[in-house]
Protein backbone atom coordinates (compact mmCIF):
# COMPACT_ATOMS: atom_id res chain seq x y z
CA MET A 1 -22.82 3.15 -18.24
CA ALA A 2 -26.18 2.19 -16.51
CA SER A 3 -26.42 -0.98 -18.74
CA VAL A 4 -22.74 -1.91 -17.75
CA VAL A 5 -23.55 -1.49 -14.10
CA GLY A 6 -26.58 -3.64 -14.55
CA ASP A 7 -24.61 -6.33 -16.32
CA ARG A 8 -21.87 -6.28 -13.62
CA LEU A 9 -24.49 -6.44 -10.86
CA ARG A 10 -25.96 -9.53 -12.37
CA LEU A 11 -22.66 -11.18 -12.70
CA VAL A 12 -21.71 -10.43 -9.01
CA VAL A 13 -25.06 -11.63 -7.80
CA LYS A 14 -24.52 -14.77 -9.69
CA VAL A 15 -20.99 -15.36 -8.42
CA LEU A 16 -22.05 -14.54 -4.72
CA GLY A 17 -25.15 -16.65 -5.19
CA SER A 18 -23.03 -19.79 -6.19
CA LEU A 19 -20.84 -19.24 -3.10
CA VAL A 20 -23.81 -19.04 -0.88
CA ALA A 21 -25.37 -22.14 -2.48
CA ASP A 22 -22.10 -24.10 -2.01
CA GLU A 23 -22.00 -22.99 1.67
CA VAL A 24 -25.51 -24.20 2.29
CA GLY A 25 -24.85 -27.46 0.49
CA GLN A 26 -21.84 -28.15 2.74
CA ALA A 27 -23.70 -27.35 5.89
CA THR A 28 -26.52 -29.69 4.78
CA ARG A 29 -24.28 -32.53 4.17
CA LEU A 30 -22.46 -32.10 7.43
CA ARG A 31 -25.84 -32.19 9.32
CA ARG A 32 -26.89 -35.28 7.49
CA HIS A 33 -23.64 -37.03 8.17
CA SER A 34 -23.85 -36.13 11.97
CA LYS A 35 -27.46 -37.58 12.12
CA ARG A 36 -26.47 -40.82 10.56
CA GLY A 37 -23.61 -42.00 12.78
CA GLU A 38 -21.89 -41.52 16.01
CA PRO A 39 -20.13 -38.18 16.86
CA GLN A 40 -16.71 -37.81 15.27
CA PRO A 41 -13.63 -38.01 17.40
CA PRO A 42 -12.16 -34.61 18.26
CA ALA A 43 -9.16 -34.99 15.90
CA GLU A 44 -11.39 -36.10 12.99
CA ALA A 45 -13.82 -33.19 13.65
CA ALA A 46 -10.99 -30.59 13.76
CA GLU A 47 -9.52 -31.93 10.57
CA ALA A 48 -13.01 -31.79 8.78
CA SER A 49 -13.45 -28.27 10.06
CA ALA A 50 -10.09 -27.12 8.85
CA GLY A 51 -10.81 -28.74 5.51
CA ALA A 52 -14.11 -26.98 5.19
CA GLU A 53 -12.40 -23.60 5.99
CA GLN A 54 -9.76 -24.30 3.34
CA ARG A 55 -12.45 -25.11 0.77
CA ARG A 56 -14.40 -21.94 1.73
CA ALA A 57 -11.31 -19.87 1.36
CA LYS A 58 -10.36 -21.21 -2.09
CA ALA A 59 -13.95 -20.64 -3.18
CA VAL A 60 -13.76 -16.95 -2.16
CA ARG A 61 -10.40 -16.54 -4.08
CA HIS A 62 -11.76 -18.16 -7.16
CA ALA A 63 -14.93 -16.02 -6.99
CA LEU A 64 -12.84 -12.84 -6.77
CA GLU A 65 -10.64 -13.89 -9.63
CA SER A 66 -13.55 -14.61 -11.84
CA LEU A 67 -15.06 -11.12 -11.22
CA GLY A 68 -11.99 -9.42 -12.54
CA PRO A 69 -9.24 -6.92 -11.78
CA PHE A 70 -11.04 -4.68 -9.42
CA TYR A 71 -12.11 -7.47 -7.08
CA VAL A 72 -8.66 -8.95 -7.36
CA LYS A 73 -7.13 -5.76 -6.12
CA LEU A 74 -9.73 -5.49 -3.47
CA GLY A 75 -9.03 -9.11 -2.33
CA GLN A 76 -5.24 -8.37 -2.15
CA ILE A 77 -5.98 -5.37 0.13
CA LEU A 78 -8.43 -7.49 2.25
CA SER A 79 -5.58 -10.07 2.77
CA THR A 80 -3.88 -7.40 4.87
CA ARG A 81 -6.94 -6.62 6.95
CA PRO A 82 -7.25 -9.04 9.91
CA ASP A 83 -9.80 -6.69 11.44
CA MET A 84 -12.21 -7.56 8.56
CA VAL A 85 -11.25 -11.07 7.24
CA PRO A 86 -10.55 -14.30 9.14
CA GLN A 87 -7.03 -15.84 9.04
CA SER A 88 -7.91 -18.75 6.75
CA ILE A 89 -9.38 -16.53 4.08
CA ARG A 90 -6.60 -13.97 4.34
CA ASP A 91 -3.94 -16.73 3.81
CA GLU A 92 -5.78 -17.79 0.61
CA LEU A 93 -6.26 -14.20 -0.61
CA GLN A 94 -2.49 -13.83 -0.54
CA ASN A 95 -2.45 -16.22 -3.56
CA LEU A 96 -4.69 -13.96 -5.64
CA HIS A 97 -3.37 -12.95 -9.00
CA ASP A 98 -4.78 -11.35 -12.07
CA GLN A 99 -3.19 -13.67 -14.46
CA VAL A 100 -5.66 -14.56 -17.25
CA ASP A 101 -5.62 -16.50 -20.37
CA VAL A 102 -3.57 -14.92 -23.13
CA GLN A 103 -5.74 -13.45 -25.84
CA PRO A 104 -4.50 -13.29 -29.47
CA PHE A 105 -2.90 -10.08 -30.63
CA SER A 106 -5.74 -9.56 -33.12
CA VAL A 107 -7.86 -8.53 -30.08
CA PHE A 108 -5.41 -5.71 -29.17
CA GLU A 109 -4.62 -4.46 -32.72
CA PRO A 110 -7.64 -2.16 -33.00
CA VAL A 111 -6.66 -0.49 -29.69
CA LEU A 112 -3.16 0.12 -31.00
CA ALA A 113 -4.65 1.66 -34.19
CA GLY A 114 -7.05 3.70 -32.17
CA ASP A 115 -4.36 5.16 -29.97
CA LEU A 116 -1.32 5.28 -32.28
CA GLY A 117 -3.14 5.71 -35.56
CA PRO A 118 -3.58 3.39 -38.58
CA ASP A 119 0.13 3.55 -39.32
CA TRP A 120 1.17 2.19 -35.90
CA LYS A 121 3.31 -0.44 -37.43
CA LEU A 122 5.80 2.16 -38.58
CA ARG A 123 6.56 3.03 -35.00
CA PHE A 124 8.32 -0.27 -34.41
CA ASP A 125 10.88 -2.27 -36.37
CA ASP A 126 9.43 -5.42 -34.70
CA ILE A 127 6.82 -6.55 -32.25
CA ASP A 128 6.59 -10.03 -30.79
CA THR A 129 2.92 -10.81 -31.17
CA VAL A 130 3.25 -14.52 -30.39
CA ALA A 131 4.37 -14.53 -26.81
CA PRO A 132 3.49 -11.49 -24.71
CA LEU A 133 5.85 -10.72 -21.81
CA GLY A 134 2.80 -10.54 -19.54
CA ALA A 135 -0.91 -11.04 -19.51
CA ALA A 136 -3.01 -9.52 -16.83
CA SER A 137 -6.69 -8.88 -16.58
CA LEU A 138 -6.24 -5.14 -17.40
CA ALA A 139 -3.64 -5.30 -20.18
CA GLN A 140 -1.17 -7.45 -22.15
CA VAL A 141 2.48 -6.43 -22.59
CA TYR A 142 4.56 -7.10 -25.74
CA ARG A 143 8.23 -6.84 -26.45
CA VAL A 144 9.06 -4.40 -29.21
CA THR A 145 12.07 -3.14 -31.18
CA LEU A 146 12.12 0.63 -31.87
CA PRO A 147 13.66 2.04 -34.98
CA GLY A 148 17.44 1.98 -34.59
CA GLY A 149 17.28 -1.29 -32.62
CA ARG A 150 16.41 -0.19 -29.15
CA PRO A 151 14.41 -2.78 -27.12
CA ALA A 152 11.11 -1.55 -25.46
CA VAL A 153 7.77 -2.90 -24.28
CA VAL A 154 4.21 -1.79 -25.25
CA LYS A 155 1.31 -2.20 -22.78
CA ILE A 156 -2.13 -2.48 -24.36
CA GLN A 157 -5.34 -2.11 -22.38
CA ARG A 158 -7.88 -4.87 -22.89
CA PRO A 159 -10.91 -3.62 -24.82
CA GLY A 160 -13.93 -2.75 -22.59
CA ILE A 161 -12.10 -3.35 -19.28
CA ARG A 162 -12.33 0.42 -18.24
CA GLU A 163 -16.06 0.34 -18.31
CA GLY A 164 -16.32 -2.84 -16.30
CA VAL A 165 -13.97 -1.59 -13.61
CA LEU A 166 -15.80 1.73 -13.31
CA ALA A 167 -19.06 -0.21 -12.98
CA ASP A 168 -17.59 -2.35 -10.22
CA MET A 169 -16.44 0.91 -8.44
CA ALA A 170 -20.05 2.31 -8.62
CA LEU A 171 -21.46 -0.91 -7.13
CA MET A 172 -19.01 -1.06 -4.28
CA ARG A 173 -19.81 2.68 -3.43
CA ARG A 174 -23.42 1.74 -3.07
CA ALA A 175 -22.61 -1.30 -1.02
CA SER A 176 -20.43 0.68 1.31
CA ARG A 177 -23.20 3.22 1.99
CA ILE A 178 -25.50 0.25 2.82
CA VAL A 179 -22.82 -1.11 5.18
CA ALA A 180 -22.63 2.39 6.93
CA ARG A 181 -26.40 2.32 7.44
CA VAL A 182 -26.90 -1.11 8.79
CA ALA A 183 -23.70 -1.45 10.72
CA PRO A 184 -22.83 2.07 12.00
CA ARG A 185 -20.67 0.70 14.95
CA PHE A 186 -18.56 -1.25 12.50
CA ASN A 187 -18.38 1.69 10.14
CA GLU A 188 -17.23 4.00 12.88
CA VAL A 189 -14.11 2.05 13.29
CA ILE A 190 -13.67 0.88 9.60
CA ASP A 191 -14.84 3.60 7.26
CA ILE A 192 -15.54 1.30 4.23
CA GLU A 193 -16.42 4.13 1.88
CA ALA A 194 -13.38 6.15 2.72
CA MET A 195 -11.18 3.08 2.48
CA LEU A 196 -12.59 2.20 -1.02
CA GLY A 197 -12.06 5.87 -2.09
CA SER A 198 -8.24 5.65 -1.44
CA VAL A 199 -8.29 2.32 -3.56
CA PHE A 200 -10.22 3.91 -6.33
CA ASP A 201 -7.90 6.90 -6.50
CA ALA A 202 -4.90 4.60 -6.52
CA MET A 203 -6.31 2.49 -9.35
CA GLU A 204 -7.38 5.39 -11.67
CA PRO A 205 -3.93 5.45 -13.55
CA GLU A 206 -4.50 1.78 -14.40
CA LEU A 207 -7.46 2.77 -16.37
CA ASP A 208 -5.81 5.58 -18.22
CA PHE A 209 -2.11 5.03 -19.02
CA THR A 210 -1.44 8.71 -19.30
CA GLY A 211 -1.85 8.84 -15.48
CA GLU A 212 0.62 5.79 -15.15
CA ALA A 213 3.05 7.83 -17.37
CA ARG A 214 2.84 10.84 -15.08
CA ASN A 215 3.46 8.58 -12.07
CA MET A 216 6.64 7.23 -13.73
CA ASP A 217 7.93 10.70 -14.55
CA GLU A 218 7.38 11.85 -11.03
CA ALA A 219 8.87 8.70 -9.54
CA ARG A 220 11.99 8.98 -11.86
CA ASP A 221 12.70 12.47 -10.42
CA SER A 222 12.59 11.16 -6.78
CA ILE A 223 14.61 7.98 -7.42
CA ARG A 224 17.71 9.81 -8.74
CA PRO A 225 19.49 9.87 -5.36
CA PHE A 226 19.33 6.06 -5.07
CA ARG A 227 22.02 4.99 -7.47
CA THR A 228 21.04 1.26 -7.50
CA LEU A 229 17.47 1.92 -8.74
CA GLU A 230 15.77 3.30 -11.78
CA VAL A 231 12.21 3.65 -13.33
CA PRO A 232 11.43 2.92 -16.91
CA ARG A 233 11.44 5.81 -19.36
CA VAL A 234 8.14 6.70 -21.04
CA LEU A 235 8.30 6.74 -24.86
CA HIS A 236 4.63 7.20 -25.59
CA ALA A 237 1.65 7.43 -23.42
CA GLY A 238 -2.05 7.34 -24.53
CA PRO A 239 -5.14 6.45 -22.61
CA ARG A 240 -4.93 2.74 -23.60
CA VAL A 241 -1.47 2.24 -24.93
CA LEU A 242 1.92 2.92 -23.12
CA VAL A 243 5.38 2.42 -24.60
CA GLN A 244 8.22 2.37 -22.18
CA SER A 245 11.86 1.18 -22.09
CA LEU A 246 12.64 -2.44 -21.32
CA ALA A 247 13.64 -3.31 -17.74
CA ALA A 248 16.91 -5.25 -17.76
CA GLY A 249 17.21 -8.62 -15.97
CA THR A 250 14.55 -10.62 -14.36
CA SER A 251 12.08 -10.11 -11.48
CA VAL A 252 13.75 -10.61 -8.10
CA ARG A 253 11.20 -13.42 -7.38
CA HIS A 254 13.20 -15.58 -9.88
CA ILE A 255 16.85 -14.28 -9.38
CA ASP A 256 19.65 -16.42 -8.20
CA ARG A 257 21.32 -14.49 -5.37
CA ALA A 258 24.59 -16.28 -6.06
CA HIS A 259 24.84 -14.27 -9.21
CA PHE A 260 25.07 -11.12 -7.22
CA THR A 261 27.82 -9.98 -4.80
CA ASP A 262 26.60 -9.66 -1.21
CA ASP A 263 27.31 -5.90 -1.23
CA GLU A 264 25.37 -5.46 -4.47
CA ARG A 265 22.17 -7.28 -3.44
CA VAL A 266 22.17 -5.75 0.05
CA GLU A 267 22.61 -2.18 -1.30
CA ILE A 268 19.75 -2.77 -3.80
CA GLY A 269 17.51 -3.96 -1.02
CA LYS A 270 18.49 -1.03 1.24
CA ASP A 271 18.00 1.53 -1.62
CA LEU A 272 14.56 0.00 -2.33
CA LEU A 273 13.61 0.53 1.43
CA ARG A 274 15.12 4.03 1.47
CA PHE A 275 13.34 5.11 -1.73
CA MET A 276 10.00 3.83 -0.30
CA TYR A 277 10.54 5.56 3.02
CA HIS A 278 11.14 8.87 1.22
CA GLY A 279 7.94 8.14 -0.80
CA TYR A 280 5.90 7.72 2.42
CA PHE A 281 7.34 10.55 4.39
CA VAL A 282 8.86 13.19 2.01
CA HIS A 283 7.26 12.89 -1.59
CA ARG A 284 3.94 11.49 -0.15
CA MET A 285 3.63 9.34 -3.27
CA PHE A 286 4.45 5.72 -3.17
CA HIS A 287 4.36 2.58 -5.24
CA ALA A 288 1.34 0.70 -3.94
CA ASP A 289 2.25 -2.66 -5.47
CA PRO A 290 6.07 -3.06 -5.08
CA HIS A 291 5.86 -6.95 -5.01
CA ALA A 292 8.71 -9.12 -6.35
CA GLY A 293 7.34 -9.37 -9.88
CA ASN A 294 7.55 -5.59 -10.18
CA VAL A 295 11.25 -5.26 -9.23
CA PHE A 296 13.73 -6.35 -11.93
CA ALA A 297 17.35 -6.79 -11.18
CA VAL A 298 20.54 -7.78 -13.18
CA PRO A 299 24.06 -8.34 -11.87
CA GLY A 300 26.21 -5.31 -12.26
CA GLY A 301 23.33 -2.91 -13.09
CA PRO A 302 20.64 -1.01 -11.45
CA ALA A 303 17.33 -2.61 -10.41
CA THR A 304 14.13 -1.35 -12.13
CA LEU A 305 10.76 -0.75 -10.35
CA ILE A 306 8.01 -1.23 -12.90
CA ASP A 307 4.24 -0.95 -13.11
CA TRP A 308 3.31 2.50 -11.85
CA GLY A 309 -0.29 2.18 -12.40
CA MET A 310 -1.19 1.82 -8.77
CA VAL A 311 0.21 4.35 -6.45
CA GLY A 312 -0.85 5.69 -3.07
CA ARG A 313 -0.76 9.39 -2.13
CA LEU A 314 -0.71 10.72 1.43
CA ASP A 315 -1.75 14.19 2.68
CA ARG A 316 0.77 16.21 4.62
CA ARG A 317 -0.70 15.58 8.07
CA THR A 318 -0.98 11.83 7.69
CA SER A 319 2.60 11.66 6.43
CA LEU A 320 3.94 13.63 9.27
CA GLN A 321 2.01 11.49 11.84
CA LEU A 322 3.25 8.26 10.14
CA LEU A 323 6.96 9.17 10.58
CA PRO A 324 6.94 9.12 14.46
CA LEU A 325 4.95 5.94 14.32
CA PHE A 326 7.81 4.26 12.39
CA MET A 327 10.29 5.70 14.81
CA THR A 328 8.67 4.30 17.82
CA LEU A 329 8.73 0.88 16.21
CA ALA A 330 12.39 1.23 15.38
CA GLN A 331 13.08 2.37 19.02
CA ASN A 332 11.01 -0.49 20.68
CA ASP A 333 8.58 1.97 22.06
CA GLY A 334 5.23 0.08 22.18
CA ALA A 335 3.38 2.74 24.15
CA GLY A 336 4.56 5.47 21.94
CA LEU A 337 3.39 3.52 18.82
CA ALA A 338 -0.02 3.09 20.37
CA HIS A 339 -0.19 6.89 21.00
CA HIS A 340 0.81 7.81 17.50
CA TRP A 341 -1.60 5.31 15.92
CA ALA A 342 -4.44 6.78 17.88
CA GLU A 343 -3.37 10.27 16.84
CA MET A 344 -3.16 9.25 13.11
CA GLY A 345 -6.60 7.62 13.29
CA ARG A 346 -9.61 8.46 15.43
CA MET A 347 -11.17 7.57 18.79
CA THR A 348 -14.64 6.09 19.12
CA ALA A 349 -17.05 6.17 22.00
CA TRP A 350 -15.93 2.75 23.24
CA SER A 351 -12.19 3.25 22.66
CA ASN A 352 -9.96 1.67 25.20
CA MET A 353 -6.55 3.35 24.86
CA PRO A 354 -4.89 1.92 28.01
CA ALA A 355 -5.59 -1.62 26.73
CA PHE A 356 -4.23 -0.73 23.35
CA ALA A 357 -1.12 0.62 24.75
CA ALA A 358 -0.62 -2.59 26.71
CA ASP A 359 -1.15 -4.61 23.67
CA MET A 360 1.59 -2.61 21.83
CA ALA A 361 3.99 -2.74 24.82
CA ALA A 362 3.68 -6.50 24.66
CA PHE A 363 3.96 -6.86 20.86
CA VAL A 364 6.62 -4.32 19.70
CA PRO A 365 9.63 -5.90 21.62
CA LYS A 366 8.84 -9.12 19.83
CA VAL A 367 9.46 -7.61 16.29
CA SER A 368 11.55 -4.48 16.62
CA HIS A 369 14.90 -6.25 16.43
CA LEU A 370 14.26 -8.92 13.82
CA SER A 371 15.62 -9.05 10.32
CA LEU A 372 13.41 -9.62 7.32
CA GLU A 373 14.40 -13.30 7.42
CA ASP A 374 12.50 -13.62 10.69
CA MET A 375 9.87 -10.87 10.39
CA ASN A 376 7.21 -9.85 7.85
CA PHE A 377 6.69 -6.18 8.31
CA GLY A 378 3.33 -6.19 6.54
CA VAL A 379 2.08 -8.82 8.85
CA SER A 380 3.34 -6.68 11.80
CA LEU A 381 1.48 -3.76 10.60
CA THR A 382 -1.76 -5.72 10.14
CA THR A 383 -1.35 -7.03 13.70
CA VAL A 384 -1.33 -3.47 15.04
CA LEU A 385 -4.31 -2.62 12.86
CA ALA A 386 -6.27 -5.70 14.24
CA LYS A 387 -5.62 -4.78 17.79
CA ALA A 388 -6.48 -1.18 17.24
CA THR A 389 -9.76 -2.18 15.72
CA LYS A 390 -10.43 -4.55 18.66
CA ARG A 391 -9.88 -1.72 21.11
CA GLY A 392 -12.27 0.69 19.25
CA ILE A 393 -9.67 2.89 17.63
CA GLY A 394 -10.35 3.75 13.96
CA SER A 395 -7.46 3.68 11.48
CA PRO A 396 -7.14 6.14 8.64
CA PRO A 397 -8.26 5.09 5.12
CA ALA A 398 -4.68 5.14 3.73
CA VAL A 399 -3.65 2.21 6.02
CA SER A 400 -5.09 -0.22 3.63
CA LEU A 401 -2.90 0.86 0.67
CA LEU A 402 -0.03 1.33 3.13
CA GLY A 403 -0.49 -2.24 4.41
CA LYS A 404 -0.46 -3.57 0.84
CA SER A 405 2.64 -1.53 -0.02
CA PHE A 406 4.47 -2.54 3.05
CA ALA A 407 3.69 -6.26 2.72
CA ASN A 408 4.85 -6.30 -0.86
CA LEU A 409 7.97 -4.22 -0.23
CA ASP A 410 9.41 -6.50 2.52
CA GLY A 411 8.71 -9.54 0.37
CA SER A 412 10.66 -7.96 -2.57
CA VAL A 413 13.52 -7.02 -0.21
CA ARG A 414 13.42 -10.47 1.37
CA CYS A 415 14.06 -12.00 -2.07
CA LEU A 416 17.19 -9.88 -2.49
CA ALA A 417 18.67 -9.62 1.09
CA PRO A 418 16.67 -11.42 3.96
CA GLU A 419 19.42 -10.45 6.36
CA ILE A 420 18.53 -6.68 6.25
CA THR A 421 16.82 -5.28 9.39
CA LEU A 422 14.12 -2.69 8.61
CA PRO A 423 14.38 -0.60 11.74
CA GLU A 424 18.24 -0.31 11.20
CA VAL A 425 17.77 1.01 7.63
CA PHE A 426 15.01 3.32 8.65
CA GLN A 427 16.96 4.89 11.54
CA GLY A 428 19.86 5.55 9.19
CA GLU A 429 17.52 7.32 6.79
CA VAL A 430 15.69 9.51 9.46
CA PRO A 431 18.20 12.36 9.45
CA LYS A 432 17.89 12.76 5.51
CA ILE A 433 14.10 12.53 5.83
CA LEU A 434 14.02 15.25 8.55
CA PHE A 435 16.41 17.48 6.58
CA ALA A 436 13.97 17.17 3.56
CA LEU A 437 11.02 18.11 5.79
CA GLY A 438 12.97 21.07 7.17
CA ARG A 439 13.76 22.33 3.62
CA GLU A 440 10.04 21.89 2.79
CA PHE A 441 9.13 23.95 5.83
CA LEU A 442 11.43 26.78 4.68
CA GLY A 443 10.35 26.61 1.04
CA ARG A 444 8.45 29.37 -0.50
CA HIS A 445 5.49 27.23 -1.35
CA GLN A 446 4.95 26.41 2.28
CA PHE A 447 6.22 29.61 3.76
CA ALA A 448 2.86 31.51 3.72
CA ARG A 449 0.96 28.67 5.31
CA ASN A 450 3.62 27.92 7.91
CA SER A 451 3.68 31.68 8.72
CA MET A 452 -0.04 31.65 9.37
CA GLU A 453 0.13 28.52 11.50
CA LEU A 454 2.93 30.23 13.63
CA MET A 455 0.79 33.40 13.90
CA LEU A 456 -2.11 31.20 15.05
CA ALA A 457 0.09 29.49 17.61
CA ALA A 458 1.29 32.89 18.87
CA VAL A 459 -2.31 33.89 19.50
CA THR A 460 -3.49 30.69 21.02
CA SER A 461 -0.32 29.52 22.87
CA PRO A 462 2.32 32.17 23.11
CA GLU A 463 4.25 30.17 25.83
CA GLN A 464 4.54 27.31 23.29
CA LEU A 465 5.80 29.44 20.52
CA ARG A 466 8.40 31.27 22.74
CA GLY A 467 9.70 27.85 23.89
CA VAL A 468 10.09 26.56 20.31
CA LEU A 469 11.84 29.72 19.05
CA GLY A 470 13.98 29.75 22.11
CA ASP A 471 15.04 26.14 21.52
CA MET A 472 15.91 27.02 17.91
CA ALA A 473 17.97 30.02 18.82
CA ASN A 474 19.93 27.69 21.28
CA ARG A 475 20.21 24.94 18.60
CA GLN A 476 18.48 22.58 20.89
CA PHE A 477 15.70 19.99 20.17
CA ALA A 478 13.33 20.52 23.10
CA LEU A 479 9.81 21.03 22.00
CA ASN A 480 7.58 21.82 25.02
CA VAL A 481 4.11 21.12 23.70
CA HIS A 482 1.42 22.22 26.00
CA GLU A 483 -1.36 20.46 24.23
CA PRO A 484 -5.00 20.93 25.10
CA ARG A 485 -6.48 17.61 26.07
CA THR A 486 -9.90 16.15 25.67
CA PRO A 487 -11.56 13.37 27.69
CA THR A 488 -12.05 10.00 26.14
CA ALA A 489 -14.86 7.47 26.71
CA MET A 490 -12.65 5.57 29.04
CA GLY A 491 -12.29 8.42 31.38
CA GLY A 492 -8.69 9.26 30.38
CA GLN A 493 -7.39 12.06 28.19
CA ARG A 494 -6.39 12.36 24.63
CA SER A 495 -4.06 15.00 23.04
CA VAL A 496 -5.35 17.22 20.39
CA ARG A 497 -3.06 16.95 17.27
CA PRO A 498 -0.32 19.57 17.04
CA SER A 499 -0.15 21.50 13.76
CA GLY A 500 2.00 20.33 10.96
CA GLY A 501 3.93 23.56 11.09
CA LEU A 502 5.05 22.92 14.63
CA LEU A 503 6.11 19.36 13.79
CA ALA A 504 8.18 20.72 10.95
CA LEU A 505 9.69 23.26 13.31
CA ALA A 506 10.57 20.32 15.69
CA ALA A 507 12.37 18.48 12.82
CA LEU A 508 14.23 21.63 11.81
CA ALA A 509 15.36 22.26 15.37
CA PHE A 510 16.61 18.67 15.45
CA LEU A 511 18.65 19.15 12.33
CA LEU A 512 20.16 22.41 13.57
CA GLY A 513 21.12 20.69 16.71
CA ARG A 514 22.81 17.87 14.83
CA ARG A 515 24.64 20.32 12.56
CA ARG A 516 26.11 22.32 15.49
CA SER A 517 26.92 19.28 17.53
CA GLY A 518 28.86 17.79 14.44
């Protein structure tokens, strides 16, 4: 492993060195040009500057692509982080892809033999070894026919790719610790090591296909209520070979909407949103890369969400804090969004919460009513992220993967039904989400923990507990939270986060109130 890390380090230094050398060369040429002649007119100077920025951005993208799949994924995430990367480079990073030259099947045959055994050919009636269905930097995918004529696909990992990605991860961990030491103020707002940790965790199943298979089985259970969606069925899973059912149709990036009825394509789009909302708030496991190439649709049939190698997972507290944040956006409540974002993240010594609340009060009304045709939700999320960072409010590490997932999700839904309004779909799904959270609260697996939280609340805040139980008895949703408050650096006050059990009680009280009123 040490030798692999050393080889990767030399490659990274070489690529970054060429970037620096190109930048220095460009600067030198500009200085020589300015010394020889008269100053450029403002319009020409602006055009030259824009051209230089575009060349720089393309060079960064090409460098990341040349370094392989880990840096491609990292670049895709950075394209959603305006607090870390300038606009010109973010625009270019959105064009990142991990498409590589197709390698001959002979390169992958030893991997098949190693995973399926020397008689691997007996498992398939036919395999199209000439034209793979897909070629990415981690794997190639081939169409196969199973005994009996059933179509399927086989995904085969590239030889040696796992070791290279693990070496890249080790290098980035070292780099993040250096950043923390030399730029502590920056690291306090943007915890690089924690952010990378969430990315590493999400990428692990891409390096071992048994993990991707478990993700697919888990997702298949949770997708059942959404009748227009399905997940491929796993037929075999090994560390480097995955056989699964073939997704019908084509990716929504290439579909002709005229081939679908309006009701059909809108319902697929809404189900995709509903399923992802439940992933964020109920199951706490979500597809981190639901771009249009990973959603296949066919007229008259269900759409298939493929490629479950990269998923995000949320802890219970973060998920519960994320839900009211979405609700404030849907309800055009900018100040509320600012409050919940700060609660989900962390305050620094220089946080300016009043300014952040004013930023959100000005921003949210501009986007809360728009359809996908007029609004990019992923861009809206990154705008909030950038303003929070500017005001000294740290965001949770999960935001990077959430931003990538959001950006890809609304792009896929836009391909199907751009007239859909996200807040409208979300508000319609909130009662079901709250009902699921209420059931979880009363479930036996959570009962012991929730009981302890209630006992603690009874000791520390009996007035609060009596109020909650009284509201539940009266079937009213009125949670009187007397939260302890702590001073911020700006002289204001900040609420201490309420426990997850009390939030679940609030959700349950709301549901009981709805049931009685209905």
